[in-house]
């Protein structure tokens, strides 16, 4: 399930100082907000600065099927016994990205499906980050930001996701659902390797996101930045 950005800034009434600056066009770059460490408290800030933002719900649950089988579902159902009976809670996991250097993920739960979806989508926008892209593969020397600059890993629970640079034209070699997450970040070519209980989809997706986040936490030499064509955040042409 994917939704594109149809935000109308004229109808927005910001509540925070940062939001007012964005609406008044005092700040026009999301990268500037992230670089200065400002905390984003309104998802409308991201909507206003990233008109090409896409939000998609990933499959974190499983619906019932015939003969005990089932297929993936964007809703994860949990049931709790109380004195008044069984209470069912619905959870959803959303990923937001512009396919050009920005990515965020969010998790939301509620007693109904629609509020759970809205919470997940809102949190994904509030958690948005910049990532680094480059041509880090030894088999490729194009110096364009189609892959990642170096090998990086992320962990959540028992799940570990390793991302490795790939030459141009390789594509995203990953599990089907994580291909969506990586693709929305703007990475086009990458190898992945995983270990742990990857059937726990929530930890699986979080580990992949943490790996992308760790791309910006490694110091690089100026020589390598030029050699690999490292870009942090968006590029002028996708």
Protein backbone atom coordinates (compact mmCIF):
# COMPACT_ATOMS: atom_id res chain seq x y z
CA UNK A 1 0.00 0.00 0.00
CA UNK A 2 1.65 3.21 -1.17
CA UNK A 3 0.62 6.85 -0.80
CA UNK A 4 2.17 9.87 -2.50
CA UNK A 5 2.40 13.36 -1.06
CA UNK A 6 -0.66 15.58 -1.73
CA UNK A 7 0.07 18.16 0.97
CA UNK A 8 -1.33 21.70 0.68
CA UNK A 9 0.87 24.11 2.62
CA UNK A 10 -1.72 26.92 2.51
CA UNK A 11 -4.11 24.93 4.70
CA UNK A 12 -1.44 24.10 7.27
CA UNK A 13 -1.41 25.87 10.63
CA UNK A 14 2.00 25.10 12.22
CA UNK A 15 2.26 24.82 15.99
CA UNK A 16 6.04 24.88 16.43
CA UNK A 17 8.63 27.58 15.75
CA UNK A 18 10.31 25.35 13.17
CA UNK A 19 7.02 24.73 11.43
CA UNK A 20 6.32 28.48 11.18
CA UNK A 21 9.74 29.08 9.61
CA UNK A 22 9.07 26.37 7.04
CA UNK A 23 5.67 27.78 6.12
CA UNK A 24 7.10 31.31 5.85
CA UNK A 25 9.82 29.95 3.50
CA UNK A 26 12.57 30.94 5.95
CA UNK A 27 13.73 27.30 5.74
CA UNK A 28 13.41 25.54 2.41
CA UNK A 29 15.80 22.61 2.82
CA UNK A 30 15.12 19.55 4.94
CA UNK A 31 18.83 18.76 4.94
CA UNK A 32 19.51 22.03 6.76
CA UNK A 33 17.09 21.02 9.52
CA UNK A 34 18.74 17.62 9.95
CA UNK A 35 22.28 19.01 9.82
CA UNK A 36 21.55 21.52 12.59
CA UNK A 37 19.98 18.83 14.77
CA UNK A 38 16.55 20.42 14.97
CA UNK A 39 13.86 18.09 16.24
CA UNK A 40 10.95 17.61 13.85
CA UNK A 41 7.69 17.53 15.81
CA UNK A 42 5.25 18.08 12.94
CA UNK A 43 5.04 15.67 9.98
CA UNK A 44 3.78 18.57 7.86
CA UNK A 45 7.35 19.95 7.88
CA UNK A 46 8.51 16.92 5.91
CA UNK A 47 5.45 17.07 3.64
CA UNK A 48 6.18 20.72 2.85
CA UNK A 49 9.88 20.25 2.10
CA UNK A 50 9.63 16.91 0.28
CA UNK A 51 6.81 17.18 -2.27
CA UNK A 52 7.98 13.93 -3.91
CA UNK A 53 7.69 11.92 -0.68
CA UNK A 54 6.21 8.42 -0.89
CA UNK A 55 4.87 6.45 2.08
CA UNK A 56 4.32 2.71 1.99
CA UNK A 57 3.11 0.18 4.54
CA UNK A 58 5.21 -2.98 4.75
CA UNK A 59 3.90 -6.43 5.59
CA UNK A 60 4.55 -7.16 9.26
CA UNK A 61 1.69 -9.59 9.91
CA UNK A 62 0.08 -12.63 8.40
CA UNK A 63 -3.52 -13.17 7.45
CA UNK A 64 -5.23 -16.52 7.90
CA UNK A 65 -5.41 -18.86 4.93
CA UNK A 66 -6.66 -22.29 4.02
CA UNK A 67 -5.07 -25.40 5.52
CA UNK A 68 -3.26 -23.36 8.18
CA UNK A 69 -1.32 -21.25 5.68
CA UNK A 70 -1.54 -17.53 5.11
CA UNK A 71 -0.12 -14.59 3.24
CA UNK A 72 1.57 -11.43 4.37
CA UNK A 73 -0.54 -8.60 5.71
CA UNK A 74 0.22 -4.94 6.47
CA UNK A 75 -1.62 -5.41 9.77
CA UNK A 76 -0.16 -7.25 12.71
CA UNK A 77 -2.82 -8.43 15.16
CA UNK A 78 -2.17 -9.10 18.81
CA UNK A 79 -4.75 -10.30 21.31
CA UNK A 80 -4.85 -9.65 25.03
CA UNK A 81 -7.15 -11.30 27.54
CA UNK A 82 -8.83 -8.97 30.01
CA UNK A 83 -11.62 -9.30 32.55
CA UNK A 84 -13.99 -7.86 29.94
CA UNK A 85 -12.93 -10.29 27.23
CA UNK A 86 -10.37 -10.39 24.42
CA UNK A 87 -8.91 -7.10 23.17
CA UNK A 88 -7.44 -7.06 19.65
CA UNK A 89 -4.77 -4.52 18.76
CA UNK A 90 -3.69 -3.69 15.21
CA UNK A 91 -0.14 -2.59 14.38
CA UNK A 92 1.39 -1.23 11.18
CA UNK A 93 4.88 -0.39 9.93
CA UNK A 94 5.42 2.46 7.46
CA UNK A 95 8.42 3.61 5.44
CA UNK A 96 8.66 7.14 4.00
CA UNK A 97 11.19 8.17 1.37
CA UNK A 98 11.67 10.34 -1.70
CA UNK A 99 13.94 7.88 -3.59
CA UNK A 100 16.63 10.55 -3.42
CA UNK A 101 18.56 10.39 -0.16
CA UNK A 102 15.85 10.70 2.51
CA UNK A 103 14.26 7.77 4.38
CA UNK A 104 12.27 7.24 7.58
CA UNK A 105 10.38 4.40 9.26
CA UNK A 106 7.61 4.33 11.82
CA UNK A 107 5.54 1.88 13.84
CA UNK A 108 2.02 2.49 15.15
CA UNK A 109 -0.60 0.47 16.99
CA UNK A 110 -4.23 1.04 17.89
CA UNK A 111 -7.49 -0.76 18.53
CA UNK A 112 -8.50 0.01 14.93
CA UNK A 113 -6.67 -0.25 11.62
CA UNK A 114 -6.95 3.35 10.39
CA UNK A 115 -5.46 5.02 13.52
CA UNK A 116 -2.65 2.43 13.51
CA UNK A 117 -1.84 3.27 9.89
CA UNK A 118 -1.91 7.03 10.55
CA UNK A 119 0.38 6.69 13.58
CA UNK A 120 2.89 4.64 11.60
CA UNK A 121 2.91 7.10 8.69
CA UNK A 122 3.26 10.09 11.02
CA UNK A 123 6.14 8.49 12.95
CA UNK A 124 7.92 7.57 9.71
CA UNK A 125 7.98 11.23 8.69
CA UNK A 126 9.18 12.38 12.11
CA UNK A 127 12.03 9.82 11.99
CA UNK A 128 13.29 10.83 8.55
CA UNK A 129 17.07 10.92 8.01
CA UNK A 130 19.62 11.61 5.30
CA UNK A 131 21.75 8.76 3.98
CA UNK A 132 25.00 8.55 2.07
CA UNK A 133 25.20 7.13 -1.43
CA UNK A 134 28.22 6.53 -3.61
CA UNK A 135 29.96 4.12 -5.97
CA UNK A 136 31.80 2.03 -3.41
CA UNK A 137 32.20 -1.17 -5.43
CA UNK A 138 35.67 -2.20 -6.64
CA UNK A 139 34.05 -3.60 -9.79
CA UNK A 140 32.66 -0.20 -10.75
CA UNK A 141 34.33 3.19 -11.14
CA UNK A 142 31.49 5.40 -12.37
CA UNK A 143 31.63 7.78 -9.35
CA UNK A 144 27.84 8.17 -9.34
CA UNK A 145 25.69 7.72 -6.19
CA UNK A 146 23.94 4.54 -7.28
CA UNK A 147 25.10 2.34 -4.37
CA UNK A 148 26.66 2.84 -0.92
CA UNK A 149 30.24 3.92 -0.12
CA UNK A 150 31.22 0.99 2.11
CA UNK A 151 29.96 -2.10 3.90
CA UNK A 152 27.70 -1.30 6.83
CA UNK A 153 25.50 -3.26 9.22
CA UNK A 154 22.49 -2.70 11.45
CA UNK A 155 21.04 -4.74 14.30
CA UNK A 156 17.64 -5.02 15.96
CA UNK A 157 17.02 -7.87 18.38
CA UNK A 158 18.63 -11.00 16.95
CA UNK A 159 18.48 -9.73 13.36
CA UNK A 160 21.61 -8.36 11.70
CA UNK A 161 21.48 -6.83 8.21
CA UNK A 162 24.69 -6.21 6.26
CA UNK A 163 24.65 -3.89 3.26
CA UNK A 164 27.51 -4.08 0.74
CA UNK A 165 28.34 -1.92 -2.31
CA UNK A 166 27.43 -3.38 -5.70
CA UNK A 167 28.43 -2.40 -9.26
CA UNK A 168 26.05 -0.44 -11.43
CA UNK A 169 23.22 -2.48 -12.91
CA UNK A 170 23.19 -5.09 -10.13
CA UNK A 171 19.90 -3.96 -8.61
CA UNK A 172 18.84 -4.37 -5.00
CA UNK A 173 19.72 -7.93 -4.03
CA UNK A 174 17.58 -8.26 -0.93
CA UNK A 175 14.45 -9.88 0.46
CA UNK A 176 11.33 -8.66 -1.35
CA UNK A 177 9.98 -6.46 1.44
CA UNK A 178 13.31 -4.84 2.29
CA UNK A 179 13.80 -3.99 -1.39
CA UNK A 180 10.99 -1.47 -0.95
CA UNK A 181 12.65 0.13 2.06
CA UNK A 182 16.07 0.36 0.40
CA UNK A 183 14.57 1.54 -2.90
CA UNK A 184 12.70 4.43 -1.28
CA UNK A 185 16.03 5.69 0.08
CA UNK A 186 17.39 6.16 -3.45
CA UNK A 187 19.89 3.30 -3.48
CA UNK A 188 19.71 1.38 -6.77
CA UNK A 189 22.44 -1.25 -6.45
CA UNK A 190 23.38 -3.10 -3.26
CA UNK A 191 24.10 -6.57 -1.90
CA UNK A 192 22.57 -7.66 1.41
CA UNK A 193 23.32 -10.45 3.86
CA UNK A 194 21.23 -11.22 6.91
CA UNK A 195 21.32 -13.45 9.96
CA UNK A 196 19.10 -14.05 12.96
CA UNK A 197 15.33 -14.49 13.21
CA UNK A 198 14.43 -12.63 10.02
CA UNK A 199 10.90 -14.00 10.22
CA UNK A 200 10.33 -11.33 12.88
CA UNK A 201 9.62 -8.69 10.26
CA UNK A 202 9.57 -5.72 12.62
CA UNK A 203 13.16 -6.37 13.74
CA UNK A 204 14.13 -7.18 10.15
CA UNK A 205 12.97 -3.80 8.83
CA UNK A 206 14.43 -1.91 11.80
CA UNK A 207 17.82 -3.56 11.31
CA UNK A 208 17.80 -2.54 7.65
CA UNK A 209 16.95 1.06 8.58
CA UNK A 210 19.65 1.15 11.26
CA UNK A 211 22.17 -0.03 8.66
CA UNK A 212 21.20 2.86 6.38
CA UNK A 213 21.45 5.27 9.31
CA UNK A 214 24.93 4.01 10.16
CA UNK A 215 26.16 5.12 6.73
CA UNK A 216 26.39 8.68 8.05
CA UNK A 217 28.16 7.70 11.29
CA UNK A 218 31.46 6.65 9.74
CA UNK A 219 34.23 9.19 9.15
CA UNK A 220 35.66 9.25 5.62
CA UNK A 221 38.84 10.66 4.12
CA UNK A 222 38.50 13.48 1.59
CA UNK A 223 40.32 11.38 -0.98
CA UNK A 224 37.77 8.57 -0.66
CA UNK A 225 34.83 11.00 -0.88
CA UNK A 226 36.13 12.22 -4.24
CA UNK A 227 37.10 8.77 -5.53
CA UNK A 228 33.73 7.18 -4.70
CA UNK A 229 31.59 10.22 -5.51
CA UNK A 230 29.98 10.26 -2.07
CA UNK A 231 26.73 12.22 -1.75
CA UNK A 232 24.91 12.81 1.51
CA UNK A 233 21.21 13.46 1.05
CA UNK A 234 19.62 14.33 -2.29
CA UNK A 235 21.21 14.81 -5.70
CA UNK A 236 20.08 17.36 -8.24
CA UNK A 237 19.11 14.65 -10.73
CA UNK A 238 17.72 11.28 -9.65
